[in-house]
Amino acid sequence: MSSKKVLKRIRIKRRVRANAKGTAEKPRFSVFRSNKEIYAQLIDDVKGVTLASSSSVKEKKGSKLEKAASVGKSIAEVASKSGVSSVYFDRNGYLYHGRVKALADAAREAGLKF
């Protein structure tokens, strides 16, 4: 990975995080994407705690896009069980396409609003 690419993502991440602060009623929906896996968290920034999390680590079958969609669906189900219906979406500096978009679309279809 080139250092320019990493620095650009960090700048975008800081810009997004300056405006998106999660609370208990409307947590921040943070996405982390590695080369192999994808992770999602619901974070209350006021208390500094993670309310829920989900990842594609345990899933064996399917493409990366299918795994991302299942992570989005599972995090939305966990959020609805805990009484959260709307969130701030934090794409963490990643472009909104591919796996990040698949995760977000699946979470929206499962009932999460952002």
C-alpha atoms as a PDB file:
ATOM      1  CA  MET A   1       0.000   0.000   0.000  1.00  0.00           C
ATOM      2  CA  SER A   2       1.372   3.366  -0.908  1.00  0.00           C
ATOM      3  CA  SER A   3       1.778   5.957   1.791  1.00  0.00           C
ATOM      4  CA  LYS A   4      -0.098   8.563  -0.275  1.00  0.00           C
ATOM      5  CA  LYS A   5      -3.154   6.327  -0.333  1.00  0.00           C
ATOM      6  CA  VAL A   6      -3.051   5.754   3.420  1.00  0.00           C
ATOM      7  CA  LEU A   7      -2.572   9.444   4.182  1.00  0.00           C
ATOM      8  CA  LYS A   8      -5.476  10.388   1.918  1.00  0.00           C
ATOM      9  CA  ARG A   9      -7.767   7.914   3.713  1.00  0.00           C
ATOM     10  CA  ILE A  10      -6.689   9.276   7.107  1.00  0.00           C
ATOM     11  CA  ARG A  11      -7.461  12.853   6.006  1.00  0.00           C
ATOM     12  CA  ILE A  12     -10.921  11.810   4.802  1.00  0.00           C
ATOM     13  CA  LYS A  13     -11.467   9.857   8.027  1.00  0.00           C
ATOM     14  CA  ARG A  14     -10.647  12.897  10.182  1.00  0.00           C
ATOM     15  CA  ARG A  15     -12.972  15.100   8.146  1.00  0.00           C
ATOM     16  CA  VAL A  16     -15.882  12.674   8.518  1.00  0.00           C
ATOM     17  CA  ARG A  17     -15.246  12.053  12.230  1.00  0.00           C
ATOM     18  CA  ALA A  18     -15.244  15.796  12.973  1.00  0.00           C
ATOM     19  CA  ASN A  19     -18.986  15.894  12.246  1.00  0.00           C
ATOM     20  CA  ALA A  20     -20.199  12.411  13.205  1.00  0.00           C
ATOM     21  CA  LYS A  21     -20.432  11.888  16.960  1.00  0.00           C
ATOM     22  CA  GLY A  22     -22.369   8.859  18.119  1.00  0.00           C
ATOM     23  CA  THR A  23     -24.709   8.853  21.102  1.00  0.00           C
ATOM     24  CA  ALA A  24     -26.663   6.083  22.811  1.00  0.00           C
ATOM     25  CA  GLU A  25     -29.812   7.015  20.843  1.00  0.00           C
ATOM     26  CA  LYS A  26     -28.013   7.451  17.515  1.00  0.00           C
ATOM     27  CA  PRO A  27     -24.654   5.633  17.550  1.00  0.00           C
ATOM     28  CA  ARG A  28     -21.880   5.904  14.988  1.00  0.00           C
ATOM     29  CA  PHE A  29     -21.882   2.982  12.519  1.00  0.00           C
ATOM     30  CA  SER A  30     -18.175   2.485  11.826  1.00  0.00           C
ATOM     31  CA  VAL A  31     -16.836   0.254   9.043  1.00  0.00           C
ATOM     32  CA  PHE A  32     -13.309  -1.186   8.795  1.00  0.00           C
ATOM     33  CA  ARG A  33     -12.248  -2.972   5.624  1.00  0.00           C
ATOM     34  CA  SER A  34      -9.124  -5.089   5.381  1.00  0.00           C
ATOM     35  CA  ASN A  35      -7.968  -6.992   2.329  1.00  0.00           C
ATOM     36  CA  LYS A  36      -9.630 -10.208   3.525  1.00  0.00           C
ATOM     37  CA  GLU A  37     -12.381  -9.253   5.968  1.00  0.00           C
ATOM     38  CA  ILE A  38     -14.852  -6.484   6.809  1.00  0.00           C
ATOM     39  CA  TYR A  39     -15.888  -5.321  10.278  1.00  0.00           C
ATOM     40  CA  ALA A  40     -18.738  -3.110  11.534  1.00  0.00           C
ATOM     41  CA  GLN A  41     -19.353  -1.506  14.935  1.00  0.00           C
ATOM     42  CA  LEU A  42     -22.017   0.620  16.570  1.00  0.00           C
ATOM     43  CA  ILE A  43     -20.200   3.083  18.840  1.00  0.00           C
ATOM     44  CA  ASP A  44     -21.441   5.480  21.545  1.00  0.00           C
ATOM     45  CA  ASP A  45     -18.795   8.231  21.444  1.00  0.00           C
ATOM     46  CA  VAL A  46     -20.192  10.015  24.502  1.00  0.00           C
ATOM     47  CA  LYS A  47     -19.465   7.055  26.802  1.00  0.00           C
ATOM     48  CA  GLY A  48     -16.689   5.643  24.615  1.00  0.00           C
ATOM     49  CA  VAL A  49     -18.189   2.161  24.342  1.00  0.00           C
ATOM     50  CA  THR A  50     -18.998  -0.232  21.516  1.00  0.00           C
ATOM     51  CA  LEU A  51     -22.676  -1.156  21.586  1.00  0.00           C
ATOM     52  CA  ALA A  52     -22.538  -3.913  18.969  1.00  0.00           C
ATOM     53  CA  SER A  53     -20.119  -5.390  16.473  1.00  0.00           C
ATOM     54  CA  SER A  54     -20.076  -7.843  13.599  1.00  0.00           C
ATOM     55  CA  SER A  55     -17.444  -9.191  11.222  1.00  0.00           C
ATOM     56  CA  SER A  56     -16.934 -11.570   8.327  1.00  0.00           C
ATOM     57  CA  VAL A  57     -14.209 -13.565  10.092  1.00  0.00           C
ATOM     58  CA  LYS A  58     -16.374 -16.594  10.952  1.00  0.00           C
ATOM     59  CA  GLU A  59     -18.031 -16.818   7.540  1.00  0.00           C
ATOM     60  CA  LYS A  60     -16.380 -19.321   5.239  1.00  0.00           C
ATOM     61  CA  LYS A  61     -18.430 -19.320   2.022  1.00  0.00           C
ATOM     62  CA  GLY A  62     -19.228 -16.571  -0.423  1.00  0.00           C
ATOM     63  CA  SER A  63     -17.463 -13.722  -2.119  1.00  0.00           C
ATOM     64  CA  LYS A  64     -16.238 -10.627  -0.307  1.00  0.00           C
ATOM     65  CA  LEU A  65     -19.351  -8.732  -1.425  1.00  0.00           C
ATOM     66  CA  GLU A  66     -21.657 -11.450  -0.083  1.00  0.00           C
ATOM     67  CA  LYS A  67     -19.786 -11.502   3.226  1.00  0.00           C
ATOM     68  CA  ALA A  68     -20.050  -7.714   3.502  1.00  0.00           C
ATOM     69  CA  ALA A  69     -23.797  -7.878   2.878  1.00  0.00           C
ATOM     70  CA  SER A  70     -24.249 -10.526   5.568  1.00  0.00           C
ATOM     71  CA  VAL A  71     -22.258  -8.395   8.047  1.00  0.00           C
ATOM     72  CA  GLY A  72     -24.527  -5.432   7.284  1.00  0.00           C
ATOM     73  CA  LYS A  73     -27.611  -7.544   7.815  1.00  0.00           C
ATOM     74  CA  SER A  74     -26.342  -9.009  11.094  1.00  0.00           C
ATOM     75  CA  ILE A  75     -25.313  -5.628  12.564  1.00  0.00           C
ATOM     76  CA  ALA A  76     -28.762  -4.237  11.701  1.00  0.00           C
ATOM     77  CA  GLU A  77     -30.444  -7.174  13.450  1.00  0.00           C
ATOM     78  CA  VAL A  78     -28.316  -6.666  16.573  1.00  0.00           C
ATOM     79  CA  ALA A  79     -29.081  -2.937  16.498  1.00  0.00           C
ATOM     80  CA  SER A  80     -32.829  -3.502  16.266  1.00  0.00           C
ATOM     81  CA  LYS A  81     -32.698  -5.917  19.220  1.00  0.00           C
ATOM     82  CA  SER A  82     -30.960  -3.255  21.306  1.00  0.00           C
ATOM     83  CA  GLY A  83     -33.525  -0.608  20.316  1.00  0.00           C
ATOM     84  CA  VAL A  84     -31.412   1.381  17.843  1.00  0.00           C
ATOM     85  CA  SER A  85     -33.159   2.335  14.616  1.00  0.00           C
ATOM     86  CA  SER A  86     -31.035   5.175  13.199  1.00  0.00           C
ATOM     87  CA  VAL A  87     -27.262   5.682  13.107  1.00  0.00           C
ATOM     88  CA  TYR A  88     -24.539   7.977  11.753  1.00  0.00           C
ATOM     89  CA  PHE A  89     -22.708   6.127   8.965  1.00  0.00           C
ATOM     90  CA  ASP A  90     -18.916   6.392   9.266  1.00  0.00           C
ATOM     91  CA  ARG A  91     -17.266   4.843   6.218  1.00  0.00           C
ATOM     92  CA  ASN A  92     -13.888   5.428   7.895  1.00  0.00           C
ATOM     93  CA  GLY A  93     -12.328   7.157   4.888  1.00  0.00           C
ATOM     94  CA  TYR A  94     -13.132   4.369   2.437  1.00  0.00           C
ATOM     95  CA  LEU A  95     -14.864   5.189  -0.822  1.00  0.00           C
ATOM     96  CA  TYR A  96     -18.579   4.392  -0.883  1.00  0.00           C
ATOM     97  CA  HIS A  97     -18.533   1.561  -3.404  1.00  0.00           C
ATOM     98  CA  GLY A  98     -17.889  -2.145  -3.487  1.00  0.00           C
ATOM     99  CA  ARG A  99     -17.894  -3.870  -0.102  1.00  0.00           C
ATOM    100  CA  VAL A 100     -18.653  -0.715   1.900  1.00  0.00           C
ATOM    101  CA  LYS A 101     -21.703  -0.002  -0.277  1.00  0.00           C
ATOM    102  CA  ALA A 102     -22.860  -3.634  -0.086  1.00  0.00           C
ATOM    103  CA  LEU A 103     -22.634  -3.544   3.718  1.00  0.00           C
ATOM    104  CA  ALA A 104     -24.538  -0.246   3.925  1.00  0.00           C
ATOM    105  CA  ASP A 105     -27.261  -1.361   1.506  1.00  0.00           C
ATOM    106  CA  ALA A 106     -27.812  -4.630   3.405  1.00  0.00           C
ATOM    107  CA  ALA A 107     -28.036  -2.744   6.707  1.00  0.00           C
ATOM    108  CA  ARG A 108     -30.623  -0.379   5.198  1.00  0.00           C
ATOM    109  CA  GLU A 109     -32.668  -3.291   3.845  1.00  0.00           C
ATOM    110  CA  ALA A 110     -32.621  -4.888   7.312  1.00  0.00           C
ATOM    111  CA  GLY A 111     -34.165  -1.754   8.806  1.00  0.00           C
ATOM    112  CA  LEU A 112     -31.302   0.522   9.878  1.00  0.00           C
ATOM    113  CA  LYS A 113     -31.777   4.202   8.959  1.00  0.00           C
ATOM    114  CA  PHE A 114     -28.907   6.491   7.953  1.00  0.00           C
END
